[in-house]
Amino acid sequence: MKVVIAGAGEVGTHLASMLSRENHDIILLDDNNNKLERIANQVDLMTVNGAANSIADLKSAGISKADLFIAVTPYESRNILACILAKDLGAGKTLARINNAEYLTRINKPRFKELGVDELIYPETLAAKEIIASVKQPGARVTHEFSGGKLILFGIKIRSNAPIVNQTLSEIAETSKGFRAVAITRNHSTIIPKGKDIILADDVVYFITSPNSVIDLYEKAGKEYFGVKNIMFLGGSRIAQKTIEKLQDQFNIKVIEKDKERCQQIADRFSNILVINGDGRDLDLLKEEGIEKMDAFVAVTGNSESNILTCQLAKKMGVKRTVAEIENIDFISLAEEVGIGTVINKKFIAASFIYRFSMTSEISSIKCLSATEAEVFELVARDGSKITSGQVKDINFPENANIGGVIRGDQSFIVTGETQIKDGDRVVIFALPAAIKKIDKFFNKK
């Protein structure tokens, strides 16, 4: 597939790096030659120095032969115009990063499609969904729902007192049929485990589970399942506001924001939350506003360091669930090491959303995990594809991938070696980059 990416910022470069692993023909277009030189030294791709909204520069990038055009510059209007021009010049599918949620409404979205913009990516909305999932499942570092929650991904740090410590996956499967370990992060490396692999203390283990097995999973992983009622947000950013939209009727919410004008805007917009004007890095202010009584603390300011610091303070004050927005990629591993509950990175989230359009098989969902090298896919099986050719144990599935579960109609179940995948099944797969191209072939018809 030939892919042209306009914008060599962190989203564009991360996406280019992901796609280059699968031998796609990548062309990266940007008007900053220094950025292009940096990425060209790290990733196998072609660069074009030019503007995304220039017809001549788009032609130089070979836009007429592009199967996929992705505009992720920092400028919304430039991205939209670039997609319109790219489509008119012959590009296959076009995607534009936007900063205005109004464009995503049912009335407005078709208008952009008519203009030539096939997909709109609004990272703040995607990030808000991640925070909501984290707050609703507070015992895990990572959560992601498939097919409306019929299967759920949990990333859980295993403590030394967990019942499954030092057990093999086969031993765990004998007593727990409702969940399956599909990946393990250990010492900054990702393992795709098989039946003989052992779970150790301090592993971060990624499980696929059905909703009715969540309590069992928490118990076996040594986690306390607790409800969240009181949430404190540090920062009234767009991410915070998109999250509050969905949570305000279910939780008691308090927002601390140092910008007085933004405080007023938030207070005017949400009548049933409490907005405090102040600096959330002030421990006395946090104590005064009752941080000890909070079940969850969500730091979504524009400063990664502040978000990490305040989450650490919140944990010391007894808050069980912390969520930090960390846009500086270099700080993500630090946040994991100091025990920040959930890390939110808009760039990774946006790249995950876009990545699905590069695959030829039918894909319903994808999540790239910031703390691992792997991705999680929800792929649709079709009759005649290799994935439906026999029982899972007999189809020679790639080594660097695991099938976690299957959604069949309204039912979901965890996969075993005897499972036969059928036409129309939605299959949840955890895979390292080396296996992704092979997986794509399993889901394409012969």
Protein backbone atom coordinates (compact mmCIF):
# COMPACT_ATOMS: atom_id res chain seq x y z
CA MET A 1 0.00 0.00 0.00
CA LYS A 2 1.22 3.49 -0.84
CA VAL A 3 0.61 5.89 2.07
CA VAL A 4 1.24 9.65 2.04
CA ILE A 5 1.38 11.29 5.47
CA ALA A 6 1.24 15.09 5.72
CA GLY A 7 2.77 16.28 8.98
CA ALA A 8 6.03 15.13 10.57
CA GLY A 9 4.97 15.86 14.13
CA GLU A 10 4.75 13.15 16.78
CA VAL A 11 1.51 11.65 15.39
CA GLY A 12 2.82 11.56 11.82
CA THR A 13 6.25 10.18 12.71
CA HIS A 14 4.85 7.55 15.10
CA LEU A 15 2.38 6.46 12.46
CA ALA A 16 5.07 6.35 9.77
CA SER A 17 7.22 4.19 12.04
CA MET A 18 4.35 1.76 12.67
CA LEU A 19 3.45 1.45 8.99
CA SER A 20 7.04 1.08 7.81
CA ARG A 21 7.36 -2.17 9.79
CA GLU A 22 4.94 -3.79 7.34
CA ASN A 23 6.76 -2.71 4.20
CA HIS A 24 4.21 -0.14 3.12
CA ASP A 25 5.45 2.50 0.70
CA ILE A 26 5.53 5.55 3.01
CA ILE A 27 5.97 9.17 1.87
CA LEU A 28 6.17 11.80 4.60
CA LEU A 29 5.39 15.38 3.60
CA ASP A 30 6.31 18.39 5.77
CA ASP A 31 7.57 21.96 5.33
CA ASN A 32 10.19 21.49 8.09
CA ASN A 33 13.24 19.85 6.56
CA ASN A 34 14.92 19.28 9.95
CA LYS A 35 12.02 17.11 11.11
CA LEU A 36 12.15 15.13 7.89
CA GLU A 37 15.87 14.50 8.21
CA ARG A 38 15.47 13.21 11.77
CA ILE A 39 12.77 10.68 10.86
CA ALA A 40 14.55 9.64 7.65
CA ASN A 41 17.55 8.56 9.74
CA GLN A 42 15.33 6.28 11.85
CA VAL A 43 12.64 4.93 9.52
CA ASP A 44 12.71 3.49 6.01
CA LEU A 45 10.57 5.99 4.09
CA MET A 46 10.70 8.74 1.48
CA THR A 47 10.42 12.39 2.51
CA VAL A 48 9.14 15.39 0.57
CA ASN A 49 9.81 18.93 1.77
CA GLY A 50 6.64 20.87 1.05
CA ALA A 51 3.25 22.11 2.26
CA ALA A 52 0.25 19.83 2.76
CA ASN A 53 -2.07 22.37 1.12
CA SER A 54 0.10 22.87 -1.98
CA ILE A 55 -1.10 21.12 -5.14
CA ALA A 56 2.43 21.07 -6.55
CA ASP A 57 3.87 19.55 -3.37
CA LEU A 58 1.11 16.93 -3.17
CA LYS A 59 1.90 15.96 -6.75
CA SER A 60 5.60 15.71 -5.85
CA ALA A 61 4.62 13.24 -3.14
CA GLY A 62 2.88 11.07 -5.74
CA ILE A 63 -0.60 11.72 -4.42
CA SER A 64 -2.37 10.43 -7.53
CA LYS A 65 -1.12 6.89 -6.79
CA ALA A 66 -1.67 7.00 -3.01
CA ASP A 67 -4.01 4.38 -1.56
CA LEU A 68 -4.22 6.33 1.69
CA PHE A 69 -3.62 10.02 2.48
CA ILE A 70 -3.35 11.11 6.12
CA ALA A 71 -3.22 14.80 7.10
CA VAL A 72 -2.01 15.24 10.69
CA THR A 73 -0.37 18.68 10.68
CA PRO A 74 -1.08 20.90 13.74
CA TYR A 75 -3.51 22.98 11.65
CA GLU A 76 -7.07 21.75 11.25
CA SER A 77 -7.96 23.89 8.23
CA ARG A 78 -4.79 22.80 6.43
CA ASN A 79 -5.58 19.14 7.09
CA ILE A 80 -9.10 19.45 5.73
CA LEU A 81 -8.00 21.37 2.62
CA ALA A 82 -5.15 18.90 2.04
CA CYS A 83 -7.61 15.99 2.06
CA ILE A 84 -9.97 17.77 -0.35
CA LEU A 85 -7.08 18.44 -2.74
CA ALA A 86 -5.64 14.93 -2.34
CA LYS A 87 -8.96 13.29 -3.15
CA ASP A 88 -9.40 15.51 -6.21
CA LEU A 89 -5.88 14.60 -7.36
CA GLY A 90 -6.61 10.87 -7.21
CA ALA A 91 -5.88 9.67 -3.65
CA GLY A 92 -7.83 6.63 -2.49
CA LYS A 93 -8.90 7.16 1.14
CA THR A 94 -8.30 10.43 3.03
CA LEU A 95 -8.12 11.16 6.77
CA ALA A 96 -7.84 14.54 8.49
CA ARG A 97 -6.97 15.36 12.08
CA ILE A 98 -9.33 18.02 13.48
CA ASN A 99 -9.72 20.09 16.64
CA ASN A 100 -13.45 20.79 16.45
CA ALA A 101 -15.90 18.18 17.74
CA GLU A 102 -18.74 19.95 15.92
CA TYR A 103 -17.54 18.39 12.66
CA LEU A 104 -18.21 14.88 14.00
CA THR A 105 -21.97 15.27 14.44
CA ARG A 106 -24.27 13.08 12.36
CA ILE A 107 -25.38 16.12 10.36
CA ASN A 108 -21.93 17.56 9.65
CA LYS A 109 -19.77 14.48 9.08
CA PRO A 110 -21.39 13.55 5.72
CA ARG A 111 -20.65 17.06 4.43
CA PHE A 112 -16.93 16.45 4.75
CA LYS A 113 -17.30 13.09 3.05
CA GLU A 114 -18.91 14.85 0.08
CA LEU A 115 -15.97 17.27 -0.04
CA GLY A 116 -13.46 14.41 -0.15
CA VAL A 117 -12.57 13.90 3.53
CA ASP A 118 -13.37 10.24 4.22
CA GLU A 119 -12.50 10.16 7.93
CA LEU A 120 -12.10 12.77 10.68
CA ILE A 121 -9.80 12.15 13.65
CA TYR A 122 -10.41 14.13 16.84
CA PRO A 123 -7.80 12.90 19.37
CA GLU A 124 -9.44 14.59 22.37
CA THR A 125 -12.61 12.54 21.95
CA LEU A 126 -10.60 9.34 21.62
CA ALA A 127 -8.58 10.24 24.73
CA ALA A 128 -11.78 10.94 26.69
CA LYS A 129 -13.02 7.42 25.89
CA GLU A 130 -9.77 6.01 27.32
CA ILE A 131 -10.20 7.97 30.55
CA ILE A 132 -13.82 6.89 30.91
CA ALA A 133 -12.84 3.24 30.52
CA SER A 134 -10.05 3.66 33.08
CA VAL A 135 -12.34 5.26 35.66
CA LYS A 136 -15.01 2.60 35.23
CA GLN A 137 -12.49 -0.25 35.65
CA PRO A 138 -10.15 1.21 38.29
CA GLY A 139 -8.11 -1.87 39.17
CA ALA A 140 -6.29 -2.04 35.83
CA ARG A 141 -3.61 0.07 34.20
CA VAL A 142 -5.11 -0.43 30.74
CA THR A 143 -8.70 -1.17 29.73
CA HIS A 144 -10.31 -1.41 26.32
CA GLU A 145 -13.75 -2.67 25.37
CA PHE A 146 -14.51 -4.66 22.23
CA SER A 147 -17.92 -4.69 20.55
CA GLY A 148 -19.52 -2.52 23.22
CA GLY A 149 -17.99 -4.41 26.15
CA LYS A 150 -18.70 -8.01 25.09
CA LEU A 151 -15.00 -8.64 25.63
CA ILE A 152 -12.64 -6.46 27.66
CA LEU A 153 -8.87 -6.03 27.65
CA PHE A 154 -7.21 -5.46 31.04
CA GLY A 155 -3.56 -4.66 31.67
CA ILE A 156 -2.89 -5.47 35.34
CA LYS A 157 0.30 -5.26 37.38
CA ILE A 158 0.63 -8.50 39.32
CA ARG A 159 1.54 -8.18 43.00
CA SER A 160 3.51 -10.81 44.89
CA ASN A 161 0.41 -11.91 46.84
CA ALA A 162 -1.68 -12.65 43.73
CA PRO A 163 -2.98 -16.25 43.56
CA ILE A 164 -1.71 -16.64 39.97
CA VAL A 165 1.91 -15.70 40.74
CA ASN A 166 4.35 -18.45 39.68
CA GLN A 167 1.61 -20.35 37.84
CA THR A 168 1.79 -21.29 34.18
CA LEU A 169 -0.90 -20.12 31.79
CA SER A 170 -2.03 -23.73 31.40
CA GLU A 171 -2.48 -24.06 35.17
CA ILE A 172 -4.47 -20.83 35.32
CA ALA A 173 -6.71 -21.96 32.44
CA GLU A 174 -7.68 -25.14 34.34
CA THR A 175 -9.42 -23.13 37.06
CA SER A 176 -10.38 -19.93 35.20
CA LYS A 177 -12.15 -20.34 31.87
CA GLY A 178 -13.45 -16.76 31.68
CA PHE A 179 -10.19 -14.94 30.98
CA ARG A 180 -6.92 -15.50 29.16
CA ALA A 181 -3.47 -13.91 29.40
CA VAL A 182 -2.44 -12.77 25.92
CA ALA A 183 0.72 -10.76 26.64
CA ILE A 184 3.18 -9.99 29.42
CA THR A 185 5.40 -6.94 29.87
CA ARG A 186 8.47 -7.86 31.91
CA ASN A 187 11.58 -5.71 32.33
CA HIS A 188 10.49 -3.39 29.48
CA SER A 189 10.10 -6.32 27.06
CA THR A 190 6.86 -7.75 25.70
CA ILE A 191 6.27 -11.50 25.71
CA ILE A 192 3.53 -13.24 23.74
CA PRO A 193 3.06 -16.15 26.17
CA LYS A 194 2.12 -19.77 25.54
CA GLY A 195 0.79 -22.41 27.92
CA LYS A 196 4.11 -23.16 29.63
CA ASP A 197 4.97 -19.50 30.38
CA ILE A 198 4.86 -18.47 34.04
CA ILE A 199 3.42 -15.26 35.50
CA LEU A 200 5.82 -13.54 37.90
CA ALA A 201 5.39 -10.81 40.50
CA ASP A 202 5.64 -7.28 39.03
CA ASP A 203 4.67 -8.47 35.54
CA VAL A 204 2.12 -6.32 33.74
CA VAL A 205 -0.16 -8.96 32.25
CA TYR A 206 -2.71 -8.27 29.53
CA PHE A 207 -5.87 -10.33 29.83
CA ILE A 208 -8.88 -10.75 27.58
CA THR A 209 -12.00 -11.43 29.64
CA SER A 210 -15.74 -11.68 29.31
CA PRO A 211 -17.73 -9.18 31.42
CA ASN A 212 -19.05 -11.83 33.84
CA SER A 213 -15.48 -12.95 34.68
CA VAL A 214 -14.09 -9.54 35.69
CA ILE A 215 -14.47 -10.17 39.44
CA ASP A 216 -12.77 -13.56 39.13
CA LEU A 217 -9.90 -11.97 37.18
CA TYR A 218 -9.42 -9.28 39.82
CA GLU A 219 -9.35 -11.88 42.61
CA LYS A 220 -6.84 -14.10 40.81
CA ALA A 221 -4.64 -11.09 39.98
CA GLY A 222 -4.68 -9.99 43.64
CA LYS A 223 -6.60 -6.80 42.91
CA GLU A 224 -9.37 -5.20 44.94
CA TYR A 225 -12.44 -4.40 42.85
CA PHE A 226 -13.73 -1.04 44.05
CA GLY A 227 -16.25 1.44 42.76
CA VAL A 228 -15.52 5.05 41.85
CA LYS A 229 -17.88 7.82 42.88
CA ASN A 230 -15.78 10.95 43.51
CA ILE A 231 -13.41 12.21 40.79
CA MET A 232 -11.04 15.19 40.81
CA PHE A 233 -9.77 16.60 37.51
CA LEU A 234 -6.62 18.68 37.36
CA GLY A 235 -6.99 20.91 34.31
CA GLY A 236 -10.08 21.95 32.39
CA SER A 237 -8.70 21.05 28.95
CA ARG A 238 -10.75 19.85 26.00
CA ILE A 239 -10.00 16.28 27.02
CA ALA A 240 -11.31 16.98 30.52
CA GLN A 241 -14.48 18.56 29.16
CA LYS A 242 -15.16 15.74 26.69
CA THR A 243 -14.74 13.27 29.58
CA ILE A 244 -16.98 15.25 31.93
CA GLU A 245 -19.71 15.32 29.27
CA LYS A 246 -20.04 11.55 29.62
CA LEU A 247 -19.43 11.23 33.37
CA GLN A 248 -21.18 14.20 34.95
CA ASP A 249 -24.48 12.40 35.62
CA GLN A 250 -22.85 9.31 37.17
CA PHE A 251 -20.09 10.75 39.39
CA ASN A 252 -19.35 13.60 41.78
CA ILE A 253 -16.83 15.70 39.86
CA LYS A 254 -14.52 18.48 40.99
CA VAL A 255 -12.25 20.39 38.57
CA ILE A 256 -9.19 22.43 39.54
CA GLU A 257 -8.12 24.89 36.83
CA LYS A 258 -5.70 27.81 37.25
CA ASP A 259 -7.05 29.87 34.33
CA LYS A 260 -9.92 31.98 35.69
CA GLU A 261 -11.59 32.50 32.32
CA ARG A 262 -11.60 28.79 31.55
CA CYS A 263 -13.01 28.09 35.01
CA GLN A 264 -15.96 30.34 34.21
CA GLN A 265 -16.50 28.64 30.84
CA ILE A 266 -16.53 25.19 32.44
CA ALA A 267 -18.85 26.31 35.23
CA ASP A 268 -21.25 27.78 32.69
CA ARG A 269 -21.18 24.63 30.59
CA PHE A 270 -21.60 22.05 33.39
CA SER A 271 -24.07 22.98 36.11
CA ASN A 272 -23.69 19.89 38.31
CA ILE A 273 -19.91 19.88 38.90
CA LEU A 274 -17.70 21.98 41.19
CA VAL A 275 -15.00 24.15 39.56
CA ILE A 276 -12.11 25.53 41.63
CA ASN A 277 -9.76 28.27 40.42
CA GLY A 278 -6.29 27.35 41.66
CA ASP A 279 -2.97 25.60 41.05
CA GLY A 280 -3.36 21.84 41.45
CA ARG A 281 0.34 21.44 42.24
CA ASP A 282 -0.35 23.15 45.59
CA LEU A 283 -0.64 20.33 48.13
CA ASP A 284 -2.47 22.57 50.61
CA LEU A 285 -5.10 23.34 47.97
CA LEU A 286 -5.52 19.66 47.15
CA LYS A 287 -5.99 18.87 50.85
CA GLU A 288 -8.41 21.76 51.26
CA GLU A 289 -10.50 20.44 48.36
CA GLY A 290 -10.68 16.98 49.91
CA ILE A 291 -8.31 14.93 47.79
CA GLU A 292 -8.25 12.24 50.49
CA LYS A 293 -11.94 11.59 49.80
CA MET A 294 -11.45 11.12 46.05
CA ASP A 295 -11.67 7.71 44.41
CA ALA A 296 -9.97 8.89 41.21
CA PHE A 297 -7.63 11.71 40.22
CA VAL A 298 -7.30 12.66 36.52
CA ALA A 299 -4.45 15.04 35.55
CA VAL A 300 -4.98 16.43 32.05
CA THR A 301 -3.09 19.72 31.98
CA GLY A 302 -0.82 20.50 29.03
CA ASN A 303 2.27 19.79 31.16
CA SER A 304 3.38 16.14 31.38
CA GLU A 305 5.68 16.74 34.36
CA SER A 306 2.88 18.40 36.36
CA ASN A 307 0.52 15.56 35.56
CA ILE A 308 3.01 12.93 36.75
CA LEU A 309 3.89 14.89 39.91
CA THR A 310 0.30 15.54 40.95
CA CYS A 311 -0.71 11.92 40.33
CA GLN A 312 2.11 10.86 42.63
CA LEU A 313 0.86 13.31 45.26
CA ALA A 314 -2.67 11.96 44.86
CA LYS A 315 -1.46 8.38 45.36
CA LYS A 316 0.39 9.41 48.53
CA MET A 317 -2.83 10.99 49.78
CA GLY A 318 -4.65 7.69 49.35
CA VAL A 319 -6.34 8.06 45.95
CA LYS A 320 -6.62 4.57 44.46
CA ARG A 321 -7.01 5.45 40.77
CA THR A 322 -4.79 7.98 38.99
CA VAL A 323 -4.81 8.92 35.30
CA ALA A 324 -2.19 11.17 33.69
CA GLU A 325 -2.10 12.70 30.24
CA ILE A 326 1.53 12.46 29.11
CA GLU A 327 2.24 13.94 25.70
CA ASN A 328 6.02 13.86 26.10
CA ILE A 329 6.73 10.33 24.87
CA ASP A 330 10.05 10.24 26.74
CA PHE A 331 8.16 10.44 30.07
CA ILE A 332 5.82 7.49 29.47
CA SER A 333 8.23 4.84 30.76
CA LEU A 334 8.94 7.03 33.82
CA ALA A 335 5.22 7.25 34.56
CA GLU A 336 4.91 3.47 34.32
CA GLU A 337 7.85 2.97 36.69
CA VAL A 338 6.49 5.28 39.39
CA GLY A 339 3.10 3.54 39.31
CA ILE A 340 0.82 6.03 37.58
CA GLY A 341 -2.39 4.06 37.09
CA THR A 342 -3.22 4.90 33.47
CA VAL A 343 -1.21 6.89 30.94
CA ILE A 344 -3.05 8.83 28.23
CA ASN A 345 -1.19 9.94 25.10
CA LYS A 346 -3.23 11.58 22.34
CA LYS A 347 -0.61 10.86 19.71
CA PHE A 348 -0.61 7.11 20.34
CA ILE A 349 -4.39 7.07 20.49
CA ALA A 350 -4.73 8.96 17.19
CA ALA A 351 -2.14 6.69 15.55
CA SER A 352 -4.10 3.62 16.73
CA PHE A 353 -7.28 4.97 15.19
CA ILE A 354 -5.61 5.75 11.87
CA TYR A 355 -3.61 2.53 11.72
CA ARG A 356 -6.66 0.37 11.03
CA PHE A 357 -7.09 1.98 7.61
CA SER A 358 -3.76 0.55 6.44
CA MET A 359 -4.92 -3.05 6.86
CA THR A 360 -6.63 -4.91 4.04
CA SER A 361 -8.69 -7.19 6.32
CA GLU A 362 -11.89 -5.96 7.98
CA ILE A 363 -10.99 -4.38 11.31
CA SER A 364 -13.46 -3.16 13.92
CA SER A 365 -11.10 -1.88 16.59
CA ILE A 366 -7.43 -1.41 17.33
CA LYS A 367 -5.53 -0.23 20.38
CA CYS A 368 -1.82 0.54 20.49
CA LEU A 369 -0.47 0.16 24.01
CA SER A 370 1.97 2.83 25.14
CA ALA A 371 3.80 0.56 27.60
CA THR A 372 4.37 -2.33 25.18
CA GLU A 373 5.52 -2.93 21.63
CA ALA A 374 2.25 -4.65 20.75
CA GLU A 375 -1.16 -3.82 19.35
CA VAL A 376 -4.58 -5.31 20.04
CA PHE A 377 -6.97 -5.85 17.13
CA GLU A 378 -10.61 -6.77 16.71
CA LEU A 379 -10.79 -8.37 13.26
CA VAL A 380 -13.79 -9.78 11.40
CA ALA A 381 -13.43 -13.35 10.12
CA ARG A 382 -14.85 -14.21 6.70
CA ASP A 383 -15.68 -17.58 5.19
CA GLY A 384 -12.84 -18.77 2.99
CA SER A 385 -10.12 -17.04 5.03
CA LYS A 386 -7.35 -19.05 6.71
CA ILE A 387 -8.55 -18.13 10.21
CA THR A 388 -11.75 -20.16 9.58
CA SER A 389 -9.96 -23.17 8.05
CA GLY A 390 -9.77 -25.31 11.20
CA GLN A 391 -9.45 -25.36 14.98
CA VAL A 392 -7.11 -22.70 16.39
CA LYS A 393 -4.51 -25.32 17.39
CA ASP A 394 -4.29 -26.53 13.76
CA ILE A 395 -4.13 -23.32 11.70
CA ASN A 396 -0.46 -22.47 12.38
CA PHE A 397 -1.22 -19.01 13.80
CA PRO A 398 1.84 -16.68 13.94
CA GLU A 399 4.21 -17.16 16.90
CA ASN A 400 4.27 -13.50 17.89
CA ALA A 401 0.49 -13.26 18.28
CA ASN A 402 -2.26 -14.64 20.51
CA ILE A 403 -5.98 -14.99 19.90
CA GLY A 404 -7.73 -13.88 23.08
CA GLY A 405 -11.44 -14.19 22.48
CA VAL A 406 -14.29 -14.29 19.99
CA ILE A 407 -17.53 -12.31 19.73
CA ARG A 408 -20.23 -14.23 17.86
CA GLY A 409 -23.46 -12.29 17.57
CA ASP A 410 -24.48 -11.33 21.12
CA GLN A 411 -22.24 -13.96 22.71
CA SER A 412 -18.56 -13.79 23.63
CA PHE A 413 -16.13 -16.46 24.77
CA ILE A 414 -12.43 -17.02 25.47
CA VAL A 415 -10.54 -18.98 22.84
CA THR A 416 -9.04 -22.43 23.42
CA GLY A 417 -7.07 -24.65 21.08
CA GLU A 418 -10.31 -26.44 20.10
CA THR A 419 -12.12 -23.24 19.10
CA GLN A 420 -13.33 -23.11 15.50
CA ILE A 421 -13.66 -19.53 14.25
CA LYS A 422 -16.59 -18.94 11.91
CA ASP A 423 -17.70 -16.48 9.26
CA GLY A 424 -18.72 -13.16 10.86
CA ASP A 425 -16.91 -13.76 14.17
CA ARG A 426 -15.11 -10.76 15.66
CA VAL A 427 -11.74 -12.02 16.84
CA VAL A 428 -9.61 -10.19 19.43
CA ILE A 429 -5.89 -10.62 18.77
CA PHE A 430 -2.80 -9.35 20.59
CA ALA A 431 0.26 -9.13 18.33
CA LEU A 432 3.82 -7.87 18.10
CA PRO A 433 4.68 -5.80 15.00
CA ALA A 434 6.50 -8.70 13.30
CA ALA A 435 3.27 -10.71 13.17
CA ILE A 436 0.82 -8.08 11.95
CA LYS A 437 1.32 -8.60 8.23
CA LYS A 438 0.92 -12.37 8.68
CA ILE A 439 -2.28 -11.85 10.69
CA ASP A 440 -3.71 -9.66 7.94
CA LYS A 441 -3.29 -12.60 5.53
CA PHE A 442 -5.16 -14.93 7.91
CA PHE A 443 -8.24 -12.73 7.66
CA ASN A 444 -8.19 -12.16 3.89
CA LYS A 445 -10.04 -14.57 1.64
CA LYS A 446 -7.83 -16.97 -0.29
